[in-house]
PDB file of N, CA and C in Angstrom:
ATOM      1  N   UNK A   1      14.064 -32.065 -30.073  1.00  0.00           N
ATOM      2  CA  UNK A   1      12.632 -32.219 -30.182  1.00  0.00           C
ATOM      3  C   UNK A   1      11.938 -32.023 -28.846  1.00  0.00           C
ATOM      4  N   UNK A   2      12.498 -32.621 -27.815  1.00  0.00           N
ATOM      5  CA  UNK A   2      11.876 -32.519 -26.501  1.00  0.00           C
ATOM      6  C   UNK A   2      11.910 -31.077 -25.987  1.00  0.00           C
ATOM      7  N   UNK A   3      13.049 -30.403 -26.222  1.00  0.00           N
ATOM      8  CA  UNK A   3      13.164 -29.011 -25.792  1.00  0.00           C
ATOM      9  C   UNK A   3      12.164 -28.114 -26.490  1.00  0.00           C
ATOM     10  N   UNK A   4      11.954 -28.360 -27.760  1.00  0.00           N
ATOM     11  CA  UNK A   4      10.980 -27.564 -28.519  1.00  0.00           C
ATOM     12  C   UNK A   4       9.562 -27.799 -27.997  1.00  0.00           C
ATOM     13  N   UNK A   5       9.233 -29.047 -27.673  1.00  0.00           N
ATOM     14  CA  UNK A   5       7.906 -29.367 -27.151  1.00  0.00           C
ATOM     15  C   UNK A   5       7.688 -28.735 -25.776  1.00  0.00           C
ATOM     16  N   UNK A   6       8.721 -28.746 -24.944  1.00  0.00           N
ATOM     17  CA  UNK A   6       8.607 -28.143 -23.609  1.00  0.00           C
ATOM     18  C   UNK A   6       8.428 -26.640 -23.729  1.00  0.00           C
ATOM     19  N   UNK A   7       9.209 -26.019 -24.622  1.00  0.00           N
ATOM     20  CA  UNK A   7       9.102 -24.571 -24.792  1.00  0.00           C
ATOM     21  C   UNK A   7       7.719 -24.193 -25.340  1.00  0.00           C
ATOM     22  N   UNK A   8       7.193 -24.979 -26.267  1.00  0.00           N
ATOM     23  CA  UNK A   8       5.883 -24.702 -26.833  1.00  0.00           C
ATOM     24  C   UNK A   8       4.790 -24.867 -25.766  1.00  0.00           C
ATOM     25  N   UNK A   9       4.926 -25.887 -24.913  1.00  0.00           N
ATOM     26  CA  UNK A   9       3.943 -26.082 -23.844  1.00  0.00           C
ATOM     27  C   UNK A   9       4.012 -24.942 -22.832  1.00  0.00           C
ATOM     28  N   UNK A  10       5.226 -24.516 -22.471  1.00  0.00           N
ATOM     29  CA  UNK A  10       5.384 -23.454 -21.473  1.00  0.00           C
ATOM     30  C   UNK A  10       4.780 -22.146 -21.973  1.00  0.00           C
ATOM     31  N   UNK A  11       4.998 -21.826 -23.229  1.00  0.00           N
ATOM     32  CA  UNK A  11       4.445 -20.569 -23.739  1.00  0.00           C
ATOM     33  C   UNK A  11       2.935 -20.653 -23.891  1.00  0.00           C
ATOM     34  N   UNK A  12       2.412 -21.819 -24.253  1.00  0.00           N
ATOM     35  CA  UNK A  12       0.958 -21.932 -24.368  1.00  0.00           C
ATOM     36  C   UNK A  12       0.307 -21.929 -22.989  1.00  0.00           C
ATOM     37  N   UNK A  13       1.002 -22.448 -21.968  1.00  0.00           N
ATOM     38  CA  UNK A  13       0.449 -22.430 -20.620  1.00  0.00           C
ATOM     39  C   UNK A  13       0.359 -20.998 -20.104  1.00  0.00           C
ATOM     40  N   UNK A  14       1.335 -20.190 -20.431  1.00  0.00           N
ATOM     41  CA  UNK A  14       1.309 -18.794 -19.998  1.00  0.00           C
ATOM     42  C   UNK A  14       0.207 -18.042 -20.732  1.00  0.00           C
ATOM     43  N   UNK A  15       0.042 -18.300 -22.002  1.00  0.00           N
ATOM     44  CA  UNK A  15      -0.973 -17.604 -22.781  1.00  0.00           C
ATOM     45  C   UNK A  15      -2.386 -18.004 -22.407  1.00  0.00           C
ATOM     46  N   UNK A  16      -2.546 -19.220 -21.877  1.00  0.00           N
ATOM     47  CA  UNK A  16      -3.898 -19.705 -21.618  1.00  0.00           C
ATOM     48  C   UNK A  16      -4.470 -19.237 -20.281  1.00  0.00           C
ATOM     49  N   UNK A  17      -3.724 -18.451 -19.522  1.00  0.00           N
ATOM     50  CA  UNK A  17      -4.271 -17.932 -18.272  1.00  0.00           C
ATOM     51  C   UNK A  17      -5.352 -16.910 -18.593  1.00  0.00           C
ATOM     52  N   UNK A  18      -6.387 -16.879 -17.788  1.00  0.00           N
ATOM     53  CA  UNK A  18      -7.537 -16.022 -18.075  1.00  0.00           C
ATOM     54  C   UNK A  18      -7.647 -14.889 -17.069  1.00  0.00           C
ATOM     55  N   UNK A  19      -6.569 -14.156 -16.888  1.00  0.00           N
ATOM     56  CA  UNK A  19      -6.596 -12.989 -16.028  1.00  0.00           C
ATOM     57  C   UNK A  19      -7.005 -11.780 -16.857  1.00  0.00           C
ATOM     58  N   UNK A  20      -7.813 -10.906 -16.291  1.00  0.00           N
ATOM     59  CA  UNK A  20      -8.184  -9.714 -17.058  1.00  0.00           C
ATOM     60  C   UNK A  20      -6.984  -8.795 -17.231  1.00  0.00           C
ATOM     61  N   UNK A  21      -6.901  -8.190 -18.376  1.00  0.00           N
ATOM     62  CA  UNK A  21      -5.791  -7.291 -18.654  1.00  0.00           C
ATOM     63  C   UNK A  21      -6.280  -5.856 -18.667  1.00  0.00           C
ATOM     64  N   UNK A  22      -5.342  -4.948 -18.537  1.00  0.00           N
ATOM     65  CA  UNK A  22      -5.680  -3.542 -18.590  1.00  0.00           C
ATOM     66  C   UNK A  22      -5.218  -2.828 -17.337  1.00  0.00           C
ATOM     67  N   UNK A  23      -5.312  -1.512 -17.341  1.00  0.00           N
ATOM     68  CA  UNK A  23      -4.832  -0.739 -16.194  1.00  0.00           C
ATOM     69  C   UNK A  23      -5.695  -0.950 -14.954  1.00  0.00           C
ATOM     70  N   UNK A  24      -5.045  -1.188 -13.837  1.00  0.00           N
ATOM     71  CA  UNK A  24      -5.740  -1.330 -12.566  1.00  0.00           C
ATOM     72  C   UNK A  24      -6.198  -2.729 -12.234  1.00  0.00           C
ATOM     73  N   UNK A  25      -6.067  -3.672 -13.124  1.00  0.00           N
ATOM     74  CA  UNK A  25      -6.536  -5.031 -12.845  1.00  0.00           C
ATOM     75  C   UNK A  25      -5.552  -5.836 -12.018  1.00  0.00           C
ATOM     76  N   UNK A  26      -4.316  -5.404 -11.923  1.00  0.00           N
ATOM     77  CA  UNK A  26      -3.337  -6.136 -11.130  1.00  0.00           C
ATOM     78  C   UNK A  26      -3.145  -5.517  -9.740  1.00  0.00           C
ATOM     79  N   UNK A  27      -4.001  -4.600  -9.342  1.00  0.00           N
ATOM     80  CA  UNK A  27      -3.902  -3.959  -8.034  1.00  0.00           C
ATOM     81  C   UNK A  27      -4.763  -4.704  -7.012  1.00  0.00           C
ATOM     82  N   UNK A  28      -4.354  -4.717  -5.728  1.00  0.00           N
ATOM     83  CA  UNK A  28      -5.145  -5.427  -4.713  1.00  0.00           C
ATOM     84  C   UNK A  28      -6.336  -4.629  -4.203  1.00  0.00           C
ATOM     85  N   UNK A  29      -6.661  -3.524  -4.837  1.00  0.00           N
ATOM     86  CA  UNK A  29      -7.813  -2.711  -4.449  1.00  0.00           C
ATOM     87  C   UNK A  29      -8.466  -2.172  -5.708  1.00  0.00           C
ATOM     88  N   UNK A  30      -9.692  -1.728  -5.568  1.00  0.00           N
ATOM     89  CA  UNK A  30     -10.440  -1.238  -6.720  1.00  0.00           C
ATOM     90  C   UNK A  30     -10.160   0.243  -6.940  1.00  0.00           C
ATOM     91  N   UNK A  31     -10.017   0.620  -8.187  1.00  0.00           N
ATOM     92  CA  UNK A  31      -9.820   2.029  -8.527  1.00  0.00           C
ATOM     93  C   UNK A  31     -11.015   2.572  -9.297  1.00  0.00           C
ATOM     94  N   UNK A  32     -12.114   1.844  -9.260  1.00  0.00           N
ATOM     95  CA  UNK A  32     -13.306   2.268  -9.994  1.00  0.00           C
ATOM     96  C   UNK A  32     -13.964   3.486  -9.360  1.00  0.00           C
ATOM     97  N   UNK A  33     -14.077   3.517  -8.038  1.00  0.00           N
ATOM     98  CA  UNK A  33     -14.711   4.623  -7.335  1.00  0.00           C
ATOM     99  C   UNK A  33     -13.608   5.569  -6.843  1.00  0.00           C
ATOM    100  N   UNK A  34     -13.512   6.743  -7.468  1.00  0.00           N
ATOM    101  CA  UNK A  34     -12.400   7.636  -7.145  1.00  0.00           C
ATOM    102  C   UNK A  34     -12.507   8.237  -5.748  1.00  0.00           C
ATOM    103  N   UNK A  35     -13.718   8.389  -5.222  1.00  0.00           N
ATOM    104  CA  UNK A  35     -13.864   8.970  -3.890  1.00  0.00           C
ATOM    105  C   UNK A  35     -13.484   7.964  -2.805  1.00  0.00           C
ATOM    106  N   UNK A  36     -13.842   6.711  -2.993  1.00  0.00           N
ATOM    107  CA  UNK A  36     -13.436   5.676  -2.042  1.00  0.00           C
ATOM    108  C   UNK A  36     -11.916   5.497  -2.083  1.00  0.00           C
ATOM    109  N   UNK A  37     -11.347   5.571  -3.282  1.00  0.00           N
ATOM    110  CA  UNK A  37      -9.899   5.476  -3.419  1.00  0.00           C
ATOM    111  C   UNK A  37      -9.204   6.653  -2.739  1.00  0.00           C
ATOM    112  N   UNK A  38      -9.770   7.849  -2.870  1.00  0.00           N
ATOM    113  CA  UNK A  38      -9.209   9.032  -2.214  1.00  0.00           C
ATOM    114  C   UNK A  38      -9.211   8.871  -0.698  1.00  0.00           C
ATOM    115  N   UNK A  39     -10.290   8.358  -0.155  1.00  0.00           N
ATOM    116  CA  UNK A  39     -10.378   8.161   1.297  1.00  0.00           C
ATOM    117  C   UNK A  39      -9.373   7.114   1.755  1.00  0.00           C
ATOM    118  N   UNK A  40      -9.264   6.010   1.020  1.00  0.00           N
ATOM    119  CA  UNK A  40      -8.324   4.954   1.393  1.00  0.00           C
ATOM    120  C   UNK A  40      -6.883   5.433   1.340  1.00  0.00           C
ATOM    121  N   UNK A  41      -6.536   6.158   0.285  1.00  0.00           N
ATOM    122  CA  UNK A  41      -5.171   6.660   0.156  1.00  0.00           C
ATOM    123  C   UNK A  41      -4.879   7.699   1.233  1.00  0.00           C
ATOM    124  N   UNK A  42      -5.845   8.569   1.510  1.00  0.00           N
ATOM    125  CA  UNK A  42      -5.652   9.588   2.549  1.00  0.00           C
ATOM    126  C   UNK A  42      -5.464   8.958   3.919  1.00  0.00           C
ATOM    127  N   UNK A  43      -6.251   7.944   4.235  1.00  0.00           N
ATOM    128  CA  UNK A  43      -6.096   7.256   5.519  1.00  0.00           C
ATOM    129  C   UNK A  43      -4.753   6.538   5.604  1.00  0.00           C
ATOM    130  N   UNK A  44      -4.344   5.904   4.536  1.00  0.00           N
ATOM    131  CA  UNK A  44      -3.079   5.165   4.541  1.00  0.00           C
ATOM    132  C   UNK A  44      -1.893   6.102   4.746  1.00  0.00           C
ATOM    133  N   UNK A  45      -1.783   7.123   3.912  1.00  0.00           N
ATOM    134  CA  UNK A  45      -0.648   8.032   4.019  1.00  0.00           C
ATOM    135  C   UNK A  45      -0.784   8.978   5.207  1.00  0.00           C
ATOM    136  N   UNK A  46      -2.008   9.376   5.549  1.00  0.00           N
ATOM    137  CA  UNK A  46      -2.214  10.261   6.695  1.00  0.00           C
ATOM    138  C   UNK A  46      -1.855   9.583   8.005  1.00  0.00           C
ATOM    139  N   UNK A  47      -2.196   8.301   8.138  1.00  0.00           N
ATOM    140  CA  UNK A  47      -1.841   7.597   9.373  1.00  0.00           C
ATOM    141  C   UNK A  47      -0.333   7.420   9.466  1.00  0.00           C
ATOM    142  N   UNK A  48       0.321   7.146   8.356  1.00  0.00           N
ATOM    143  CA  UNK A  48       1.781   7.021   8.375  1.00  0.00           C
ATOM    144  C   UNK A  48       2.462   8.339   8.693  1.00  0.00           C
ATOM    145  N   UNK A  49       1.887   9.438   8.262  1.00  0.00           N
ATOM    146  CA  UNK A  49       2.464  10.751   8.545  1.00  0.00           C
ATOM    147  C   UNK A  49       2.216  11.160   9.995  1.00  0.00           C
ATOM    148  N   UNK A  50       1.077  10.763  10.571  1.00  0.00           N
ATOM    149  CA  UNK A  50       0.707  11.204  11.915  1.00  0.00           C
ATOM    150  C   UNK A  50       1.369  10.394  13.020  1.00  0.00           C
ATOM    151  N   UNK A  51       1.799   9.177  12.733  1.00  0.00           N
ATOM    152  CA  UNK A  51       2.343   8.306  13.786  1.00  0.00           C
ATOM    153  C   UNK A  51       3.531   8.932  14.516  1.00  0.00           C
ATOM    154  N   UNK A  52       4.534   9.493  13.856  1.00  0.00           N
ATOM    155  CA  UNK A  52       5.651  10.084  14.615  1.00  0.00           C
ATOM    156  C   UNK A  52       5.217  11.226  15.531  1.00  0.00           C
ATOM    157  N   UNK A  53       4.287  12.043  15.077  1.00  0.00           N
ATOM    158  CA  UNK A  53       3.819  13.156  15.902  1.00  0.00           C
ATOM    159  C   UNK A  53       3.034  12.660  17.116  1.00  0.00           C
ATOM    160  N   UNK A  54       2.225  11.636  16.909  1.00  0.00           N
ATOM    161  CA  UNK A  54       1.479  11.056  18.034  1.00  0.00           C
ATOM    162  C   UNK A  54       2.414  10.391  19.037  1.00  0.00           C
ATOM    163  N   UNK A  55       3.447   9.725  18.556  1.00  0.00           N
ATOM    164  CA  UNK A  55       4.410   9.097  19.460  1.00  0.00           C
ATOM    165  C   UNK A  55       5.159  10.143  20.288  1.00  0.00           C
ATOM    166  N   UNK A  56       5.540  11.233  19.673  1.00  0.00           N
ATOM    167  CA  UNK A  56       6.215  12.302  20.422  1.00  0.00           C
ATOM    168  C   UNK A  56       5.280  12.880  21.470  1.00  0.00           C
ATOM    169  N   UNK A  57       4.020  13.056  21.121  1.00  0.00           N
ATOM    170  CA  UNK A  57       3.048  13.568  22.077  1.00  0.00           C
ATOM    171  C   UNK A  57       2.889  12.628  23.266  1.00  0.00           C
ATOM    172  N   UNK A  58       2.807  11.345  23.010  1.00  0.00           N
ATOM    173  CA  UNK A  58       2.671  10.369  24.098  1.00  0.00           C
ATOM    174  C   UNK A  58       3.923  10.355  24.962  1.00  0.00           C
ATOM    175  N   UNK A  59       5.082  10.403  24.344  1.00  0.00           N
ATOM    176  CA  UNK A  59       6.337  10.374  25.112  1.00  0.00           C
ATOM    177  C   UNK A  59       6.466  11.624  25.972  1.00  0.00           C
ATOM    178  N   UNK A  60       6.107  12.778  25.406  1.00  0.00           N
ATOM    179  CA  UNK A  60       6.220  14.013  26.190  1.00  0.00           C
ATOM    180  C   UNK A  60       5.182  14.056  27.312  1.00  0.00           C
ATOM    181  N   UNK A  61       4.028  13.450  27.127  1.00  0.00           N
ATOM    182  CA  UNK A  61       3.018  13.411  28.179  1.00  0.00           C
ATOM    183  C   UNK A  61       3.414  12.476  29.312  1.00  0.00           C
ATOM    184  N   UNK A  62       4.184  11.439  29.003  1.00  0.00           N
ATOM    185  CA  UNK A  62       4.546  10.477  30.049  1.00  0.00           C
ATOM    186  C   UNK A  62       5.702  10.963  30.908  1.00  0.00           C
ATOM    187  N   UNK A  63       6.501  11.870  30.399  1.00  0.00           N
ATOM    188  CA  UNK A  63       7.593  12.393  31.238  1.00  0.00           C
ATOM    189  C   UNK A  63       7.032  13.476  32.148  1.00  0.00           C
ATOM    190  N   UNK A  64       7.230  13.316  33.430  1.00  0.00           N
ATOM    191  CA  UNK A  64       6.608  14.218  34.388  1.00  0.00           C
ATOM    192  C   UNK A  64       7.368  15.532  34.554  1.00  0.00           C
ATOM    193  N   UNK A  65       8.667  15.534  34.293  1.00  0.00           N
ATOM    194  CA  UNK A  65       9.426  16.762  34.520  1.00  0.00           C
ATOM    195  C   UNK A  65       9.489  17.658  33.287  1.00  0.00           C
ATOM    196  N   UNK A  66       8.879  17.294  32.200  1.00  0.00           N
ATOM    197  CA  UNK A  66       8.870  18.132  31.006  1.00  0.00           C
ATOM    198  C   UNK A  66       7.699  19.085  31.076  1.00  0.00           C
ATOM    199  N   UNK A  67       7.956  20.349  30.776  1.00  0.00           N
ATOM    200  CA  UNK A  67       6.903  21.353  30.766  1.00  0.00           C
ATOM    201  C   UNK A  67       6.951  22.074  29.428  1.00  0.00           C
ATOM    202  N   UNK A  68       5.842  22.131  28.750  1.00  0.00           N
ATOM    203  CA  UNK A  68       5.805  22.738  27.425  1.00  0.00           C
ATOM    204  C   UNK A  68       6.052  24.240  27.491  1.00  0.00           C
ATOM    205  N   UNK A  69       5.877  24.865  28.664  1.00  0.00           N
ATOM    206  CA  UNK A  69       6.118  26.312  28.769  1.00  0.00           C
ATOM    207  C   UNK A  69       7.603  26.632  28.766  1.00  0.00           C
ATOM    208  N   UNK A  70       8.453  25.620  28.865  1.00  0.00           N
ATOM    209  CA  UNK A  70       9.886  25.872  28.803  1.00  0.00           C
ATOM    210  C   UNK A  70      10.306  26.314  27.417  1.00  0.00           C
ATOM    211  N   UNK A  71       9.508  26.049  26.423  1.00  0.00           N
ATOM    212  CA  UNK A  71       9.839  26.452  25.063  1.00  0.00           C
ATOM    213  C   UNK A  71       9.554  27.936  24.839  1.00  0.00           C
ATOM    214  N   UNK A  72       8.691  28.517  25.652  1.00  0.00           N
ATOM    215  CA  UNK A  72       8.328  29.922  25.436  1.00  0.00           C
ATOM    216  C   UNK A  72       9.286  30.874  26.059  1.00  0.00           C
TER     217      UNK A  72
END
């Protein structure tokens, strides 16, 4: 009896939550404005893609004996 009451309470507690359902409601950002979403996604992935290239540029600029004309 006690187990049945606990199980019934647990399932009703889960059902009684008032979170909105549907696509995009569980995301930490809004997907309503597609242009703002495009800019945010581009900045996020673009910055991650650019970091290695920027680091190589900084490292090559700090070394004094490296000359880019050696590649030609």
